[in-house]
Amino acid sequence: GSLRLSCAASGETFSRLCMGWFRQAPGKEREAVAVIH
């Protein structure tokens, strides 16, 4: 199946940000999933 996650940013010029999604399962390290400039 499918899901869509959203992340709304505020407080900074949006174009100057690097943003990413990380995930962490129990007992595991937090890992990068995707990053966008």
PDB file of all heavy atoms in Angstrom:
ATOM      1  N   GLY A   1       0.799  -1.207   0.000  1.00  0.00           N
ATOM      2  CA  GLY A   1       0.000   0.000   0.000  1.00  0.00           C
ATOM      3  C   GLY A   1       0.833   1.258   0.000  1.00  0.00           C
ATOM      4  O   GLY A   1       2.058   1.223  -0.155  1.00  0.00           O
ATOM      5  N   SER A   2       0.161   2.397   0.200  1.00  0.00           N
ATOM      6  CA  SER A   2       0.815   3.700   0.113  1.00  0.00           C
ATOM      7  C   SER A   2       0.394   4.618   1.248  1.00  0.00           C
ATOM      8  O   SER A   2      -0.716   4.520   1.780  1.00  0.00           O
ATOM      9  CB  SER A   2       0.458   4.392  -1.209  1.00  0.00           C
ATOM     10  OG  SER A   2       0.898   3.646  -2.322  1.00  0.00           O
ATOM     11  N   LEU A   3       1.294   5.508   1.610  1.00  0.00           N
ATOM     12  CA  LEU A   3       1.024   6.608   2.519  1.00  0.00           C
ATOM     13  C   LEU A   3       1.780   7.832   2.019  1.00  0.00           C
ATOM     14  O   LEU A   3       2.793   7.696   1.323  1.00  0.00           O
ATOM     15  CB  LEU A   3       1.481   6.297   3.946  1.00  0.00           C
ATOM     16  CG  LEU A   3       0.691   5.286   4.771  1.00  0.00           C
ATOM     17  CD1 LEU A   3       1.432   5.005   6.077  1.00  0.00           C
ATOM     18  CD2 LEU A   3      -0.708   5.799   5.060  1.00  0.00           C
ATOM     19  N   ARG A   4       1.300   9.014   2.385  1.00  0.00           N
ATOM     20  CA  ARG A   4       2.029  10.236   2.090  1.00  0.00           C
ATOM     21  C   ARG A   4       2.228  11.036   3.362  1.00  0.00           C
ATOM     22  O   ARG A   4       1.261  11.392   4.038  1.00  0.00           O
ATOM     23  CB  ARG A   4       1.301  11.102   1.055  1.00  0.00           C
ATOM     24  CG  ARG A   4       2.152  12.284   0.585  1.00  0.00           C
ATOM     25  CD  ARG A   4       1.454  13.162  -0.426  1.00  0.00           C
ATOM     26  NE  ARG A   4       0.440  14.001   0.184  1.00  0.00           N
ATOM     27  CZ  ARG A   4      -0.067  15.093  -0.370  1.00  0.00           C
ATOM     28  NH1 ARG A   4       0.349  15.474  -1.577  1.00  0.00           N
ATOM     29  NH2 ARG A   4      -1.001  15.777   0.257  1.00  0.00           N
ATOM     30  N   LEU A   5       3.482  11.331   3.675  1.00  0.00           N
ATOM     31  CA  LEU A   5       3.825  12.143   4.824  1.00  0.00           C
ATOM     32  C   LEU A   5       4.019  13.589   4.390  1.00  0.00           C
ATOM     33  O   LEU A   5       4.519  13.860   3.297  1.00  0.00           O
ATOM     34  CB  LEU A   5       5.110  11.643   5.488  1.00  0.00           C
ATOM     35  CG  LEU A   5       5.141  10.180   5.931  1.00  0.00           C
ATOM     36  CD1 LEU A   5       6.468   9.882   6.628  1.00  0.00           C
ATOM     37  CD2 LEU A   5       3.966   9.862   6.835  1.00  0.00           C
ATOM     38  N   SER A   6       3.638  14.519   5.262  1.00  0.00           N
ATOM     39  CA  SER A   6       3.802  15.939   5.000  1.00  0.00           C
ATOM     40  C   SER A   6       4.569  16.587   6.134  1.00  0.00           C
ATOM     41  O   SER A   6       4.421  16.200   7.293  1.00  0.00           O
ATOM     42  CB  SER A   6       2.440  16.638   4.871  1.00  0.00           C
ATOM     43  OG  SER A   6       1.683  16.097   3.815  1.00  0.00           O
ATOM     44  N   CYS A   7       5.373  17.583   5.808  1.00  0.00           N
ATOM     45  CA  CYS A   7       6.111  18.343   6.808  1.00  0.00           C
ATOM     46  C   CYS A   7       6.084  19.808   6.416  1.00  0.00           C
ATOM     47  O   CYS A   7       6.731  20.201   5.438  1.00  0.00           O
ATOM     48  CB  CYS A   7       7.549  17.839   6.922  1.00  0.00           C
ATOM     49  SG  CYS A   7       8.541  18.720   8.146  1.00  0.00           S
ATOM     50  N   ALA A   8       5.343  20.607   7.161  1.00  0.00           N
ATOM     51  CA  ALA A   8       5.242  22.037   6.906  1.00  0.00           C
ATOM     52  C   ALA A   8       6.285  22.778   7.727  1.00  0.00           C
ATOM     53  O   ALA A   8       6.375  22.585   8.940  1.00  0.00           O
ATOM     54  CB  ALA A   8       3.844  22.538   7.245  1.00  0.00           C
ATOM     55  N   ALA A   9       7.061  23.629   7.068  1.00  0.00           N
ATOM     56  CA  ALA A   9       8.141  24.366   7.716  1.00  0.00           C
ATOM     57  C   ALA A   9       7.782  25.840   7.837  1.00  0.00           C
ATOM     58  O   ALA A   9       7.152  26.419   6.954  1.00  0.00           O
ATOM     59  CB  ALA A   9       9.435  24.215   6.924  1.00  0.00           C
ATOM     60  N   SER A  10       8.222  26.446   8.930  1.00  0.00           N
ATOM     61  CA  SER A  10       8.027  27.872   9.129  1.00  0.00           C
ATOM     62  C   SER A  10       9.191  28.433   9.935  1.00  0.00           C
ATOM     63  O   SER A  10       9.951  27.689  10.555  1.00  0.00           O
ATOM     64  CB  SER A  10       6.701  28.162   9.838  1.00  0.00           C
ATOM     65  OG  SER A  10       6.673  27.557  11.120  1.00  0.00           O
ATOM     66  N   GLY A  11       9.338  29.753   9.915  1.00  0.00           N
ATOM     67  CA  GLY A  11      10.356  30.410  10.718  1.00  0.00           C
ATOM     68  C   GLY A  11      11.675  30.663  10.012  1.00  0.00           C
ATOM     69  O   GLY A  11      12.596  31.211  10.633  1.00  0.00           O
ATOM     70  N   GLU A  12      11.783  30.294   8.762  1.00  0.00           N
ATOM     71  CA  GLU A  12      13.009  30.484   8.005  1.00  0.00           C
ATOM     72  C   GLU A  12      12.676  30.560   6.528  1.00  0.00           C
ATOM     73  O   GLU A  12      11.646  30.019   6.094  1.00  0.00           O
ATOM     74  CB  GLU A  12      13.992  29.346   8.294  1.00  0.00           C
ATOM     75  CG  GLU A  12      15.338  29.444   7.561  1.00  0.00           C
ATOM     76  CD  GLU A  12      16.055  30.747   7.822  1.00  0.00           C
ATOM     77  OE1 GLU A  12      16.770  30.852   8.852  1.00  0.00           O
ATOM     78  OE2 GLU A  12      15.909  31.680   6.997  1.00  0.00           O
ATOM     79  N   THR A  13      13.545  31.226   5.767  1.00  0.00           N
ATOM     80  CA  THR A  13      13.369  31.267   4.325  1.00  0.00           C
ATOM     81  C   THR A  13      13.424  29.842   3.782  1.00  0.00           C
ATOM     82  O   THR A  13      14.431  29.153   3.923  1.00  0.00           O
ATOM     83  CB  THR A  13      14.447  32.131   3.669  1.00  0.00           C
ATOM     84  OG1 THR A  13      14.399  33.448   4.224  1.00  0.00           O
ATOM     85  CG2 THR A  13      14.230  32.209   2.167  1.00  0.00           C
ATOM     86  N   PHE A  14      12.338  29.423   3.172  1.00  0.00           N
ATOM     87  CA  PHE A  14      12.188  28.029   2.777  1.00  0.00           C
ATOM     88  C   PHE A  14      13.303  27.574   1.838  1.00  0.00           C
ATOM     89  O   PHE A  14      13.837  26.469   1.988  1.00  0.00           O
ATOM     90  CB  PHE A  14      10.817  27.838   2.131  1.00  0.00           C
ATOM     91  CG  PHE A  14      10.414  26.415   1.911  1.00  0.00           C
ATOM     92  CD1 PHE A  14      10.440  25.495   2.937  1.00  0.00           C
ATOM     93  CD2 PHE A  14       9.992  26.001   0.658  1.00  0.00           C
ATOM     94  CE1 PHE A  14      10.052  24.180   2.737  1.00  0.00           C
ATOM     95  CE2 PHE A  14       9.592  24.690   0.444  1.00  0.00           C
ATOM     96  CZ  PHE A  14       9.622  23.780   1.479  1.00  0.00           C
ATOM     97  N   SER A  15      13.676  28.430   0.893  1.00  0.00           N
ATOM     98  CA  SER A  15      14.666  28.048  -0.113  1.00  0.00           C
ATOM     99  C   SER A  15      16.059  27.846   0.463  1.00  0.00           C
ATOM    100  O   SER A  15      16.918  27.277  -0.215  1.00  0.00           O
ATOM    101  CB  SER A  15      14.715  29.086  -1.233  1.00  0.00           C
ATOM    102  OG  SER A  15      15.112  30.352  -0.734  1.00  0.00           O
ATOM    103  N   ARG A  16      16.295  28.287   1.683  1.00  0.00           N
ATOM    104  CA  ARG A  16      17.604  28.139   2.308  1.00  0.00           C
ATOM    105  C   ARG A  16      17.720  26.870   3.140  1.00  0.00           C
ATOM    106  O   ARG A  16      18.746  26.648   3.775  1.00  0.00           O
ATOM    107  CB  ARG A  16      17.914  29.353   3.185  1.00  0.00           C
ATOM    108  CG  ARG A  16      18.082  30.639   2.391  1.00  0.00           C
ATOM    109  CD  ARG A  16      18.357  31.822   3.281  1.00  0.00           C
ATOM    110  NE  ARG A  16      18.550  33.048   2.518  1.00  0.00           N
ATOM    111  CZ  ARG A  16      18.688  34.248   3.045  1.00  0.00           C
ATOM    112  NH1 ARG A  16      18.663  34.404   4.361  1.00  0.00           N
ATOM    113  NH2 ARG A  16      18.852  35.305   2.258  1.00  0.00           N
ATOM    114  N   LEU A  17      16.701  26.058   3.125  1.00  0.00           N
ATOM    115  CA  LEU A  17      16.676  24.858   3.952  1.00  0.00           C
ATOM    116  C   LEU A  17      17.114  23.612   3.203  1.00  0.00           C
ATOM    117  O   LEU A  17      16.915  23.482   1.995  1.00  0.00           O
ATOM    118  CB  LEU A  17      15.271  24.626   4.504  1.00  0.00           C
ATOM    119  CG  LEU A  17      14.740  25.640   5.511  1.00  0.00           C
ATOM    120  CD1 LEU A  17      13.322  25.262   5.896  1.00  0.00           C
ATOM    121  CD2 LEU A  17      15.631  25.705   6.739  1.00  0.00           C
ATOM    122  N   CYS A  18      17.705  22.717   3.957  1.00  0.00           N
ATOM    123  CA  CYS A  18      17.852  21.334   3.576  1.00  0.00           C
ATOM    124  C   CYS A  18      16.900  20.543   4.471  1.00  0.00           C
ATOM    125  O   CYS A  18      16.903  20.725   5.689  1.00  0.00           O
ATOM    126  CB  CYS A  18      19.290  20.868   3.796  1.00  0.00           C
ATOM    127  SG  CYS A  18      19.614  19.149   3.366  1.00  0.00           S
ATOM    128  N   MET A  19      16.087  19.699   3.886  1.00  0.00           N
ATOM    129  CA  MET A  19      15.112  18.954   4.675  1.00  0.00           C
ATOM    130  C   MET A  19      15.165  17.481   4.325  1.00  0.00           C
ATOM    131  O   MET A  19      15.469  17.110   3.184  1.00  0.00           O
ATOM    132  CB  MET A  19      13.699  19.498   4.451  1.00  0.00           C
ATOM    133  CG  MET A  19      13.533  20.930   4.929  1.00  0.00           C
ATOM    134  SD  MET A  19      11.846  21.580   4.762  1.00  0.00           S
ATOM    135  CE  MET A  19      10.947  20.499   5.886  1.00  0.00           C
ATOM    136  N   GLY A  20      14.857  16.667   5.316  1.00  0.00           N
ATOM    137  CA  GLY A  20      14.904  15.237   5.092  1.00  0.00           C
ATOM    138  C   GLY A  20      13.927  14.486   5.968  1.00  0.00           C
ATOM    139  O   GLY A  20      13.370  15.025   6.925  1.00  0.00           O
ATOM    140  N   TRP A  21      13.722  13.252   5.598  1.00  0.00           N
ATOM    141  CA  TRP A  21      12.935  12.317   6.398  1.00  0.00           C
ATOM    142  C   TRP A  21      13.854  11.234   6.926  1.00  0.00           C
ATOM    143  O   TRP A  21      14.639  10.642   6.165  1.00  0.00           O
ATOM    144  CB  TRP A  21      11.805  11.688   5.573  1.00  0.00           C
ATOM    145  CG  TRP A  21      10.686  12.625   5.290  1.00  0.00           C
ATOM    146  CD1 TRP A  21      10.490  13.357   4.168  1.00  0.00           C
ATOM    147  CD2 TRP A  21       9.580  12.918   6.153  1.00  0.00           C
ATOM    148  NE1 TRP A  21       9.340  14.096   4.268  1.00  0.00           N
ATOM    149  CE2 TRP A  21       8.762  13.847   5.477  1.00  0.00           C
ATOM    150  CE3 TRP A  21       9.210  12.488   7.422  1.00  0.00           C
ATOM    151  CZ2 TRP A  21       7.593  14.354   6.037  1.00  0.00           C
ATOM    152  CZ3 TRP A  21       8.047  12.990   7.979  1.00  0.00           C
ATOM    153  CH2 TRP A  21       7.258  13.915   7.288  1.00  0.00           C
ATOM    154  N   PHE A  22      13.762  10.990   8.219  1.00  0.00           N
ATOM    155  CA  PHE A  22      14.488   9.927   8.887  1.00  0.00           C
ATOM    156  C   PHE A  22      13.492   8.951   9.490  1.00  0.00           C
ATOM    157  O   PHE A  22      12.343   9.297   9.729  1.00  0.00           O
ATOM    158  CB  PHE A  22      15.385  10.488   9.995  1.00  0.00           C
ATOM    159  CG  PHE A  22      16.582  11.248   9.498  1.00  0.00           C
ATOM    160  CD1 PHE A  22      16.444  12.506   8.940  1.00  0.00           C
ATOM    161  CD2 PHE A  22      17.852  10.706   9.596  1.00  0.00           C
ATOM    162  CE1 PHE A  22      17.538  13.217   8.487  1.00  0.00           C
ATOM    163  CE2 PHE A  22      18.967  11.403   9.152  1.00  0.00           C
ATOM    164  CZ  PHE A  22      18.809  12.653   8.594  1.00  0.00           C
ATOM    165  N   ARG A  23      13.937   7.747   9.766  1.00  0.00           N
ATOM    166  CA  ARG A  23      13.078   6.794  10.447  1.00  0.00           C
ATOM    167  C   ARG A  23      13.882   5.996  11.460  1.00  0.00           C
ATOM    168  O   ARG A  23      15.086   5.805  11.320  1.00  0.00           O
ATOM    169  CB  ARG A  23      12.382   5.854   9.462  1.00  0.00           C
ATOM    170  CG  ARG A  23      13.305   4.897   8.727  1.00  0.00           C
ATOM    171  CD  ARG A  23      12.514   4.134   7.675  1.00  0.00           C
ATOM    172  NE  ARG A  23      13.339   3.171   6.951  1.00  0.00           N
ATOM    173  CZ  ARG A  23      12.937   2.504   5.885  1.00  0.00           C
ATOM    174  NH1 ARG A  23      11.700   2.690   5.402  1.00  0.00           N
ATOM    175  NH2 ARG A  23      13.751   1.637   5.291  1.00  0.00           N
ATOM    176  N   GLN A  24      13.191   5.538  12.489  1.00  0.00           N
ATOM    177  CA  GLN A  24      13.827   4.764  13.539  1.00  0.00           C
ATOM    178  C   GLN A  24      12.873   3.695  14.038  1.00  0.00           C
ATOM    179  O   GLN A  24      11.783   4.001  14.513  1.00  0.00           O
ATOM    180  CB  GLN A  24      14.260   5.666  14.696  1.00  0.00           C
ATOM    181  CG  GLN A  24      15.071   4.952  15.757  1.00  0.00           C
ATOM    182  CD  GLN A  24      15.723   5.915  16.721  1.00  0.00           C
ATOM    183  OE1 GLN A  24      15.245   7.032  16.919  1.00  0.00           O
ATOM    184  NE2 GLN A  24      16.820   5.495  17.328  1.00  0.00           N
ATOM    185  N   ALA A  25      13.294   2.456  13.913  1.00  0.00           N
ATOM    186  CA  ALA A  25      12.550   1.328  14.446  1.00  0.00           C
ATOM    187  C   ALA A  25      13.110   0.978  15.817  1.00  0.00           C
ATOM    188  O   ALA A  25      14.271   1.280  16.116  1.00  0.00           O
ATOM    189  CB  ALA A  25      12.653   0.135  13.505  1.00  0.00           C
ATOM    190  N   PRO A  26      12.313   0.338  16.672  1.00  0.00           N
ATOM    191  CA  PRO A  26      12.797  -0.026  18.005  1.00  0.00           C
ATOM    192  C   PRO A  26      14.089  -0.830  17.946  1.00  0.00           C
ATOM    193  O   PRO A  26      14.202  -1.787  17.183  1.00  0.00           O
ATOM    194  CB  PRO A  26      11.654  -0.861  18.575  1.00  0.00           C
ATOM    195  CG  PRO A  26      10.441  -0.347  17.879  1.00  0.00           C
ATOM    196  CD  PRO A  26      10.910  -0.047  16.479  1.00  0.00           C
ATOM    197  N   GLY A  27      15.082  -0.420  18.730  1.00  0.00           N
ATOM    198  CA  GLY A  27      16.347  -1.121  18.785  1.00  0.00           C
ATOM    199  C   GLY A  27      17.281  -0.854  17.628  1.00  0.00           C
ATOM    200  O   GLY A  27      18.349  -1.472  17.555  1.00  0.00           O
ATOM    201  N   LYS A  28      16.920   0.049  16.735  1.00  0.00           N
ATOM    202  CA  LYS A  28      17.744   0.335  15.575  1.00  0.00           C
ATOM    203  C   LYS A  28      18.160   1.803  15.553  1.00  0.00           C
ATOM    204  O   LYS A  28      17.565   2.648  16.213  1.00  0.00           O
ATOM    205  CB  LYS A  28      17.002  -0.011  14.286  1.00  0.00           C
ATOM    206  CG  LYS A  28      16.623  -1.476  14.170  1.00  0.00           C
ATOM    207  CD  LYS A  28      15.905  -1.772  12.871  1.00  0.00           C
ATOM    208  CE  LYS A  28      16.822  -1.623  11.673  1.00  0.00           C
ATOM    209  NZ  LYS A  28      16.131  -1.997  10.405  1.00  0.00           N
ATOM    210  N   GLU A  29      19.196   2.095  14.781  1.00  0.00           N
ATOM    211  CA  GLU A  29      19.669   3.462  14.620  1.00  0.00           C
ATOM    212  C   GLU A  29      18.685   4.274  13.783  1.00  0.00           C
ATOM    213  O   GLU A  29      17.984   3.735  12.920  1.00  0.00           O
ATOM    214  CB  GLU A  29      21.037   3.474  13.942  1.00  0.00           C
ATOM    215  CG  GLU A  29      22.139   2.765  14.702  1.00  0.00           C
ATOM    216  CD  GLU A  29      22.683   3.591  15.839  1.00  0.00           C
ATOM    217  OE1 GLU A  29      22.401   4.801  15.884  1.00  0.00           O
ATOM    218  OE2 GLU A  29      23.396   3.034  16.687  1.00  0.00           O
ATOM    219  N   ARG A  30      18.653   5.572  14.048  1.00  0.00           N
ATOM    220  CA  ARG A  30      17.875   6.461  13.202  1.00  0.00           C
ATOM    221  C   ARG A  30      18.600   6.604  11.862  1.00  0.00           C
ATOM    222  O   ARG A  30      19.798   6.889  11.826  1.00  0.00           O
ATOM    223  CB  ARG A  30      17.711   7.826  13.864  1.00  0.00           C
ATOM    224  CG  ARG A  30      16.779   8.755  13.119  1.00  0.00           C
ATOM    225  CD  ARG A  30      16.472  10.014  13.917  1.00  0.00           C
ATOM    226  NE  ARG A  30      15.787   9.711  15.165  1.00  0.00           N
ATOM    227  CZ  ARG A  30      15.280  10.634  15.967  1.00  0.00           C
ATOM    228  NH1 ARG A  30      15.362  11.919  15.662  1.00  0.00           N
ATOM    229  NH2 ARG A  30      14.677  10.261  17.093  1.00  0.00           N
ATOM    230  N   GLU A  31      17.888   6.402  10.768  1.00  0.00           N
ATOM    231  CA  GLU A  31      18.504   6.405   9.455  1.00  0.00           C
ATOM    232  C   GLU A  31      17.809   7.361   8.510  1.00  0.00           C
ATOM    233  O   GLU A  31      16.592   7.560   8.584  1.00  0.00           O
ATOM    234  CB  GLU A  31      18.491   4.992   8.848  1.00  0.00           C
ATOM    235  CG  GLU A  31      17.100   4.446   8.604  1.00  0.00           C
ATOM    236  CD  GLU A  31      17.101   3.104   7.893  1.00  0.00           C
ATOM    237  OE1 GLU A  31      18.179   2.667   7.433  1.00  0.00           O
ATOM    238  OE2 GLU A  31      16.023   2.487   7.797  1.00  0.00           O
ATOM    239  N   ALA A  32      18.599   7.944   7.621  1.00  0.00           N
ATOM    240  CA  ALA A  32      18.057   8.822   6.600  1.00  0.00           C
ATOM    241  C   ALA A  32      17.305   8.006   5.561  1.00  0.00           C
ATOM    242  O   ALA A  32      17.784   6.975   5.095  1.00  0.00           O
ATOM    243  CB  ALA A  32      19.166   9.618   5.929  1.00  0.00           C
ATOM    244  N   VAL A  33      16.129   8.481   5.202  1.00  0.00           N
ATOM    245  CA  VAL A  33      15.315   7.854   4.170  1.00  0.00           C
ATOM    246  C   VAL A  33      15.412   8.641   2.867  1.00  0.00           C
ATOM    247  O   VAL A  33      15.652   8.075   1.797  1.00  0.00           O
ATOM    248  CB  VAL A  33      13.852   7.738   4.617  1.00  0.00           C
ATOM    249  CG1 VAL A  33      13.001   7.129   3.509  1.00  0.00           C
ATOM    250  CG2 VAL A  33      13.747   6.919   5.893  1.00  0.00           C
ATOM    251  N   ALA A  34      15.215   9.942   2.959  1.00  0.00           N
ATOM    252  CA  ALA A  34      15.267  10.810   1.791  1.00  0.00           C
ATOM    253  C   ALA A  34      15.622  12.216   2.234  1.00  0.00           C
ATOM    254  O   ALA A  34      15.246  12.645   3.322  1.00  0.00           O
ATOM    255  CB  ALA A  34      13.932  10.810   1.044  1.00  0.00           C
ATOM    256  N   VAL A  35      16.338  12.936   1.377  1.00  0.00           N
ATOM    257  CA  VAL A  35      16.752  14.308   1.650  1.00  0.00           C
ATOM    258  C   VAL A  35      16.469  15.143   0.410  1.00  0.00           C
ATOM    259  O   VAL A  35      16.624  14.661  -0.719  1.00  0.00           O
ATOM    260  CB  VAL A  35      18.252  14.383   2.008  1.00  0.00           C
ATOM    261  CG1 VAL A  35      18.699  15.837   2.184  1.00  0.00           C
ATOM    262  CG2 VAL A  35      18.547  13.583   3.269  1.00  0.00           C
ATOM    263  N   ILE A  36      16.077  16.397   0.619  1.00  0.00           N
ATOM    264  CA  ILE A  36      15.853  17.297  -0.503  1.00  0.00           C
ATOM    265  C   ILE A  36      16.480  18.655  -0.231  1.00  0.00           C
ATOM    266  O   ILE A  36      16.319  19.219   0.856  1.00  0.00           O
ATOM    267  CB  ILE A  36      14.348  17.431  -0.838  1.00  0.00           C
ATOM    268  CG1 ILE A  36      14.147  18.294  -2.086  1.00  0.00           C
ATOM    269  CG2 ILE A  36      13.557  17.980   0.345  1.00  0.00           C
ATOM    270  CD1 ILE A  36      12.751  18.185  -2.669  1.00  0.00           C
ATOM    271  N   HIS A  37      17.229  19.160  -1.200  1.00  0.00           N
ATOM    272  CA  HIS A  37      17.735  20.521  -1.178  1.00  0.00           C
ATOM    273  C   HIS A  37      16.630  21.397  -1.751  1.00  0.00           C
ATOM    274  O   HIS A  37      16.315  21.317  -2.945  1.00  0.00           O
ATOM    275  CB  HIS A  37      19.014  20.610  -2.019  1.00  0.00           C
ATOM    276  CG  HIS A  37      19.625  21.972  -2.085  1.00  0.00           C
ATOM    277  ND1 HIS A  37      19.599  22.749  -3.219  1.00  0.00           N
ATOM    278  CD2 HIS A  37      20.293  22.700  -1.151  1.00  0.00           C
ATOM    279  CE1 HIS A  37      20.210  23.891  -2.988  1.00  0.00           C
ATOM    280  NE2 HIS A  37      20.642  23.879  -1.735  1.00  0.00           N
TER     281      HIS A  37
END
